[in-house]
């Protein structure tokens, strides 16, 4: 079952916003580097991965958990889309 792209991005953004709000961050863009700007930290990365696996029923391999795939909302969305059945 393919996920509609706009819904996917909205769900990812909403989850990251929850993490960001605990740090007092109220806004960020879909292109903004989440790690560099302190939106998420190393623990947050693992929370994001767990969220993706649980919510979208995808498997994120250990080698895929890196700064490039998890850089921002757009790259996280692309990671999930790459794992969707064609």
N, C-alpha and C. Protein backbone atom coordinates (compact mmCIF):
# COMPACT_ATOMS: atom_id res chain seq x y z
N UNK A 1 0.84 -1.18 0.00
CA UNK A 1 0.00 0.00 0.00
C UNK A 1 0.89 1.24 0.00
N UNK A 2 0.83 1.99 -1.06
CA UNK A 2 1.63 3.19 -1.16
C UNK A 2 1.01 4.31 -0.33
N UNK A 3 1.86 5.11 0.24
CA UNK A 3 1.43 6.23 1.08
C UNK A 3 1.45 7.49 0.23
N UNK A 4 0.39 8.27 0.32
CA UNK A 4 0.35 9.53 -0.41
C UNK A 4 1.47 10.44 0.10
N UNK A 5 2.23 11.01 -0.84
CA UNK A 5 3.43 11.75 -0.49
C UNK A 5 3.18 12.93 0.45
N UNK A 6 2.12 13.68 0.23
CA UNK A 6 1.86 14.83 1.09
C UNK A 6 1.51 14.39 2.51
N UNK A 7 0.79 13.28 2.63
CA UNK A 7 0.44 12.75 3.94
C UNK A 7 1.71 12.27 4.65
N UNK A 8 2.55 11.61 3.91
CA UNK A 8 3.81 11.11 4.44
C UNK A 8 4.64 12.26 5.02
N UNK A 9 4.83 13.29 4.24
CA UNK A 9 5.64 14.43 4.70
C UNK A 9 5.00 15.09 5.92
N UNK A 10 3.68 15.24 5.91
CA UNK A 10 2.99 15.85 7.05
C UNK A 10 3.19 15.05 8.32
N UNK A 11 3.13 13.72 8.21
CA UNK A 11 3.30 12.88 9.40
C UNK A 11 4.74 12.96 9.92
N UNK A 12 5.70 12.95 9.01
CA UNK A 12 7.11 13.07 9.42
C UNK A 12 7.34 14.41 10.10
N UNK A 13 6.85 15.48 9.48
CA UNK A 13 7.02 16.83 10.02
C UNK A 13 6.38 16.95 11.40
N UNK A 14 5.18 16.39 11.56
CA UNK A 14 4.48 16.47 12.85
C UNK A 14 5.26 15.75 13.94
N UNK A 15 5.81 14.58 13.63
CA UNK A 15 6.58 13.84 14.63
C UNK A 15 7.84 14.61 15.02
N UNK A 16 8.54 15.14 14.03
CA UNK A 16 9.77 15.90 14.33
C UNK A 16 9.43 17.17 15.10
N UNK A 17 8.28 17.77 14.81
CA UNK A 17 7.86 18.97 15.55
C UNK A 17 7.66 18.64 17.02
N UNK A 18 7.13 17.46 17.31
CA UNK A 18 6.98 17.03 18.71
C UNK A 18 8.33 16.96 19.40
N UNK A 19 9.31 16.37 18.71
CA UNK A 19 10.66 16.28 19.28
C UNK A 19 11.26 17.67 19.47
N UNK A 20 11.08 18.52 18.47
CA UNK A 20 11.64 19.87 18.51
C UNK A 20 11.03 20.70 19.63
N UNK A 21 9.75 20.53 19.87
CA UNK A 21 9.07 21.35 20.87
C UNK A 21 9.62 21.09 22.27
N UNK A 22 10.13 19.88 22.50
CA UNK A 22 10.72 19.58 23.82
C UNK A 22 12.02 20.36 24.03
N UNK A 23 12.58 20.88 22.93
CA UNK A 23 13.81 21.67 23.02
C UNK A 23 13.52 23.16 22.85
N UNK A 24 12.24 23.51 22.80
CA UNK A 24 11.88 24.91 22.66
C UNK A 24 11.95 25.42 21.24
N UNK A 25 12.08 24.52 20.27
CA UNK A 25 12.14 24.91 18.86
C UNK A 25 10.71 24.85 18.32
N UNK A 26 10.24 25.99 17.81
CA UNK A 26 8.85 26.06 17.38
C UNK A 26 8.66 25.91 15.88
N UNK A 27 9.72 26.12 15.10
CA UNK A 27 9.55 25.99 13.65
C UNK A 27 10.86 25.61 12.98
N UNK A 28 10.72 24.95 11.85
CA UNK A 28 11.86 24.57 11.01
C UNK A 28 11.30 24.30 9.62
N UNK A 29 12.15 24.36 8.61
CA UNK A 29 11.69 24.11 7.24
C UNK A 29 11.96 22.65 6.87
N UNK A 30 11.34 22.22 5.78
CA UNK A 30 11.54 20.84 5.33
C UNK A 30 12.95 20.62 4.79
N UNK A 31 13.66 21.71 4.46
CA UNK A 31 15.01 21.60 3.92
C UNK A 31 16.09 21.85 4.99
N UNK A 32 15.69 22.29 6.15
CA UNK A 32 16.64 22.66 7.20
C UNK A 32 17.32 21.42 7.79
N UNK A 33 18.63 21.53 8.01
CA UNK A 33 19.36 20.41 8.61
C UNK A 33 18.93 20.24 10.06
N UNK A 34 18.32 19.11 10.35
CA UNK A 34 17.76 18.87 11.68
C UNK A 34 18.84 18.70 12.74
N UNK A 35 19.93 18.04 12.38
CA UNK A 35 21.02 17.83 13.34
C UNK A 35 21.80 19.11 13.57
N UNK A 36 22.20 19.76 12.48
CA UNK A 36 23.02 20.98 12.59
C UNK A 36 22.31 22.08 13.36
N UNK A 37 21.00 22.15 13.23
CA UNK A 37 20.24 23.22 13.88
C UNK A 37 19.65 22.81 15.22
N UNK A 38 20.01 21.61 15.69
CA UNK A 38 19.59 21.18 17.01
C UNK A 38 18.14 20.77 17.14
N UNK A 39 17.49 20.56 16.01
CA UNK A 39 16.09 20.15 16.06
C UNK A 39 16.00 18.74 16.64
N UNK A 40 16.92 17.86 16.21
CA UNK A 40 17.02 16.52 16.80
C UNK A 40 18.49 16.25 17.14
N UNK A 41 18.69 15.36 18.09
CA UNK A 41 20.04 14.97 18.47
C UNK A 41 20.21 13.48 18.19
N UNK A 42 21.29 12.88 18.66
CA UNK A 42 21.54 11.47 18.36
C UNK A 42 20.42 10.57 18.88
N UNK A 43 19.89 10.86 20.05
CA UNK A 43 18.75 10.08 20.56
C UNK A 43 17.52 10.31 19.68
N UNK A 44 17.34 11.54 19.26
CA UNK A 44 16.22 11.87 18.38
C UNK A 44 16.25 11.10 17.07
N UNK A 45 17.46 10.85 16.56
CA UNK A 45 17.59 10.08 15.32
C UNK A 45 16.97 8.70 15.51
N UNK A 46 17.28 8.06 16.61
CA UNK A 46 16.74 6.72 16.84
C UNK A 46 15.23 6.75 17.08
N UNK A 47 14.76 7.82 17.68
CA UNK A 47 13.30 7.97 17.84
C UNK A 47 12.62 8.14 16.49
N UNK A 48 13.26 8.91 15.59
CA UNK A 48 12.72 9.10 14.24
C UNK A 48 12.69 7.76 13.50
N UNK A 49 13.78 7.00 13.59
CA UNK A 49 13.84 5.71 12.90
C UNK A 49 12.75 4.77 13.43
N UNK A 50 12.58 4.72 14.74
CA UNK A 50 11.52 3.88 15.32
C UNK A 50 10.15 4.32 14.83
N UNK A 51 9.94 5.63 14.78
CA UNK A 51 8.67 6.18 14.27
C UNK A 51 8.44 5.74 12.83
N UNK A 52 9.46 5.86 11.98
CA UNK A 52 9.32 5.49 10.57
C UNK A 52 8.99 4.01 10.44
N UNK A 53 9.70 3.18 11.18
CA UNK A 53 9.48 1.74 11.09
C UNK A 53 8.08 1.36 11.58
N UNK A 54 7.66 1.94 12.68
CA UNK A 54 6.35 1.62 13.25
C UNK A 54 5.19 2.19 12.43
N UNK A 55 5.33 3.42 11.99
CA UNK A 55 4.24 4.12 11.31
C UNK A 55 4.08 3.69 9.86
N UNK A 56 5.20 3.56 9.16
CA UNK A 56 5.14 3.31 7.72
C UNK A 56 5.50 1.87 7.36
N UNK A 57 5.75 1.05 8.38
CA UNK A 57 6.05 -0.37 8.16
C UNK A 57 7.21 -0.57 7.19
N UNK A 58 8.28 0.20 7.41
CA UNK A 58 9.50 0.04 6.62
C UNK A 58 10.62 -0.40 7.55
N UNK A 59 11.66 -0.95 6.98
CA UNK A 59 12.83 -1.35 7.75
C UNK A 59 13.98 -0.44 7.35
N UNK A 60 14.54 0.26 8.32
CA UNK A 60 15.69 1.13 8.07
C UNK A 60 16.92 0.37 8.56
N UNK A 61 17.80 0.04 7.64
CA UNK A 61 19.00 -0.71 7.99
C UNK A 61 20.01 0.16 8.74
N UNK A 62 20.86 -0.50 9.50
CA UNK A 62 21.87 0.23 10.28
C UNK A 62 22.72 1.16 9.41
N UNK A 63 23.07 0.72 8.22
CA UNK A 63 23.90 1.53 7.32
C UNK A 63 23.14 2.73 6.76
N UNK A 64 21.81 2.69 6.84
CA UNK A 64 21.00 3.80 6.33
C UNK A 64 20.77 4.88 7.38
N UNK A 65 21.12 4.57 8.62
CA UNK A 65 20.95 5.56 9.70
C UNK A 65 22.18 6.46 9.69
N UNK A 66 22.09 7.50 8.88
CA UNK A 66 23.22 8.42 8.74
C UNK A 66 22.73 9.84 8.48
N UNK A 67 23.65 10.75 8.52
CA UNK A 67 23.31 12.16 8.37
C UNK A 67 22.74 12.54 7.02
N UNK A 68 23.05 11.77 6.00
CA UNK A 68 22.50 12.08 4.67
C UNK A 68 21.03 11.68 4.57
N UNK A 69 20.71 10.48 4.99
CA UNK A 69 19.31 10.01 4.90
C UNK A 69 18.40 10.71 5.87
N UNK A 70 18.95 11.17 6.99
CA UNK A 70 18.13 11.77 8.04
C UNK A 70 18.43 13.26 8.22
N UNK A 71 18.93 13.88 7.16
CA UNK A 71 19.35 15.29 7.23
C UNK A 71 18.19 16.24 7.50
N UNK A 72 17.08 16.05 6.77
CA UNK A 72 15.94 16.95 6.92
C UNK A 72 14.65 16.22 6.57
N UNK A 73 13.55 16.91 6.66
CA UNK A 73 12.25 16.28 6.41
C UNK A 73 12.20 15.70 5.00
N UNK A 74 12.75 16.42 4.02
CA UNK A 74 12.72 15.94 2.64
C UNK A 74 13.50 14.64 2.47
N UNK A 75 14.71 14.57 3.03
CA UNK A 75 15.52 13.35 2.85
C UNK A 75 14.91 12.17 3.61
N UNK A 76 14.28 12.44 4.75
CA UNK A 76 13.61 11.37 5.49
C UNK A 76 12.43 10.85 4.67
N UNK A 77 11.69 11.77 4.06
CA UNK A 77 10.57 11.38 3.20
C UNK A 77 11.06 10.52 2.04
N UNK A 78 12.15 10.92 1.41
CA UNK A 78 12.70 10.16 0.29
C UNK A 78 13.15 8.76 0.72
N UNK A 79 13.71 8.65 1.91
CA UNK A 79 14.11 7.36 2.45
C UNK A 79 12.89 6.43 2.56
N UNK A 80 11.81 6.94 3.13
CA UNK A 80 10.60 6.13 3.29
C UNK A 80 10.03 5.77 1.91
N UNK A 81 9.98 6.73 1.00
CA UNK A 81 9.44 6.46 -0.34
C UNK A 81 10.26 5.40 -1.07
N UNK A 82 11.57 5.40 -0.86
CA UNK A 82 12.43 4.42 -1.53
C UNK A 82 12.15 3.00 -1.04
N UNK A 83 11.51 2.89 0.10
CA UNK A 83 11.23 1.58 0.70
C UNK A 83 9.80 1.11 0.42
N UNK A 84 9.02 1.93 -0.24
CA UNK A 84 7.64 1.56 -0.56
C UNK A 84 7.62 0.58 -1.73
N UNK A 85 6.67 -0.35 -1.70
CA UNK A 85 6.55 -1.27 -2.85
C UNK A 85 6.25 -0.49 -4.13
N UNK A 86 6.86 -0.92 -5.17
CA UNK A 86 6.69 -0.22 -6.47
C UNK A 86 5.36 -0.61 -7.10
